Amino acid sequence: MPPPAVPPIQQSLLSRCPAELPPLTDGTGGDVALTMASWAGQYHRCATRHSGLVDVLETRQEPRR
């Protein structure tokens, strides 16, 4: 009997993180706060995708019964 087919990895987990982050524009407190919030959001989205991909790959490596 052939081994069960491995389902494909979700396309959303295969997208790369941004290569560059938005720069500060004027260095004011408001600009810094908005830019840091943007960076935090991008980091969170990237970390979520990366963790999801790691989870999928780890389950694929677990021995099948």
C-alpha atoms as a PDB file:
ATOM      1  CA  MET A   1       0.000   0.000   0.000  1.00  0.00           C
ATOM      2  CA  PRO A   2       1.462   3.423  -0.918  1.00  0.00           C
ATOM      3  CA  PRO A   3       2.084   5.930   1.876  1.00  0.00           C
ATOM      4  CA  PRO A   4      -0.677   8.496   2.390  1.00  0.00           C
ATOM      5  CA  ALA A   5      -0.365  11.648   0.340  1.00  0.00           C
ATOM      6  CA  VAL A   6       1.135  14.594   2.170  1.00  0.00           C
ATOM      7  CA  PRO A   7      -1.182  17.600   1.974  1.00  0.00           C
ATOM      8  CA  PRO A   8       0.338  20.740   0.453  1.00  0.00           C
ATOM      9  CA  ILE A   9       1.569  23.530   2.686  1.00  0.00           C
ATOM     10  CA  GLN A  10      -0.798  26.498   2.839  1.00  0.00           C
ATOM     11  CA  GLN A  11       0.343  29.213   0.437  1.00  0.00           C
ATOM     12  CA  SER A  12      -0.034  31.858   3.152  1.00  0.00           C
ATOM     13  CA  LEU A  13       2.725  30.143   5.166  1.00  0.00           C
ATOM     14  CA  LEU A  14       5.128  30.343   2.224  1.00  0.00           C
ATOM     15  CA  SER A  15       5.243  34.118   1.868  1.00  0.00           C
ATOM     16  CA  ARG A  16       8.477  35.842   2.824  1.00  0.00           C
ATOM     17  CA  CYS A  17       8.824  38.481   5.482  1.00  0.00           C
ATOM     18  CA  PRO A  18       9.423  42.045   4.274  1.00  0.00           C
ATOM     19  CA  ALA A  19      13.030  42.637   3.262  1.00  0.00           C
ATOM     20  CA  GLU A  20      12.872  46.239   4.477  1.00  0.00           C
ATOM     21  CA  LEU A  21      10.878  48.054   7.101  1.00  0.00           C
ATOM     22  CA  PRO A  22       9.381  51.523   6.590  1.00  0.00           C
ATOM     23  CA  PRO A  23      11.851  54.223   7.602  1.00  0.00           C
ATOM     24  CA  LEU A  24      11.293  56.987  10.106  1.00  0.00           C
ATOM     25  CA  THR A  25      10.213  60.106   8.268  1.00  0.00           C
ATOM     26  CA  ASP A  26      10.867  63.006  10.615  1.00  0.00           C
ATOM     27  CA  GLY A  27      11.966  61.577  13.979  1.00  0.00           C
ATOM     28  CA  THR A  28       9.218  63.197  16.017  1.00  0.00           C
ATOM     29  CA  GLY A  29       7.667  61.260  18.866  1.00  0.00           C
ATOM     30  CA  GLY A  30       4.494  60.642  16.878  1.00  0.00           C
ATOM     31  CA  ASP A  31       6.442  59.423  13.866  1.00  0.00           C
ATOM     32  CA  VAL A  32       8.522  57.104  16.019  1.00  0.00           C
ATOM     33  CA  ALA A  33       5.391  55.688  17.695  1.00  0.00           C
ATOM     34  CA  LEU A  34       3.599  55.085  14.382  1.00  0.00           C
ATOM     35  CA  THR A  35       6.683  53.571  12.757  1.00  0.00           C
ATOM     36  CA  MET A  36       7.357  51.283  15.722  1.00  0.00           C
ATOM     37  CA  ALA A  37       3.700  50.147  15.680  1.00  0.00           C
ATOM     38  CA  SER A  38       4.058  49.343  11.972  1.00  0.00           C
ATOM     39  CA  TRP A  39       7.270  47.385  12.624  1.00  0.00           C
ATOM     40  CA  ALA A  40       5.604  45.474  15.469  1.00  0.00           C
ATOM     41  CA  GLY A  41       2.661  44.545  13.232  1.00  0.00           C
ATOM     42  CA  GLN A  42       4.936  43.345  10.449  1.00  0.00           C
ATOM     43  CA  TYR A  43       7.017  41.339  12.915  1.00  0.00           C
ATOM     44  CA  HIS A  44       3.908  39.740  14.416  1.00  0.00           C
ATOM     45  CA  ARG A  45       2.530  38.714  10.998  1.00  0.00           C
ATOM     46  CA  CYS A  46       5.900  37.299   9.944  1.00  0.00           C
ATOM     47  CA  ALA A  47       6.426  35.443  13.242  1.00  0.00           C
ATOM     48  CA  THR A  48       2.929  33.962  13.019  1.00  0.00           C
ATOM     49  CA  ARG A  49       3.588  32.640   9.489  1.00  0.00           C
ATOM     50  CA  HIS A  50       7.014  31.326  10.448  1.00  0.00           C
ATOM     51  CA  SER A  51       5.662  29.533  13.523  1.00  0.00           C
ATOM     52  CA  GLY A  52       2.847  28.030  11.445  1.00  0.00           C
ATOM     53  CA  LEU A  53       5.315  26.753   8.874  1.00  0.00           C
ATOM     54  CA  VAL A  54       7.520  25.252  11.592  1.00  0.00           C
ATOM     55  CA  ASP A  55       4.462  23.527  13.097  1.00  0.00           C
ATOM     56  CA  VAL A  56       3.532  22.017   9.714  1.00  0.00           C
ATOM     57  CA  LEU A  57       7.069  20.819   9.057  1.00  0.00           C
ATOM     58  CA  GLU A  58       7.386  19.327  12.531  1.00  0.00           C
ATOM     59  CA  THR A  59       4.165  17.333  12.119  1.00  0.00           C
ATOM     60  CA  ARG A  60       5.415  16.025   8.786  1.00  0.00           C
ATOM     61  CA  GLN A  61       8.577  14.739  10.483  1.00  0.00           C
ATOM     62  CA  GLU A  62       6.741  12.897  13.263  1.00  0.00           C
ATOM     63  CA  PRO A  63       6.778   9.140  12.724  1.00  0.00           C
ATOM     64  CA  ARG A  64       3.513   7.842  11.294  1.00  0.00           C
ATOM     65  CA  ARG A  65       1.778   4.962  12.958  1.00  0.00           C
END
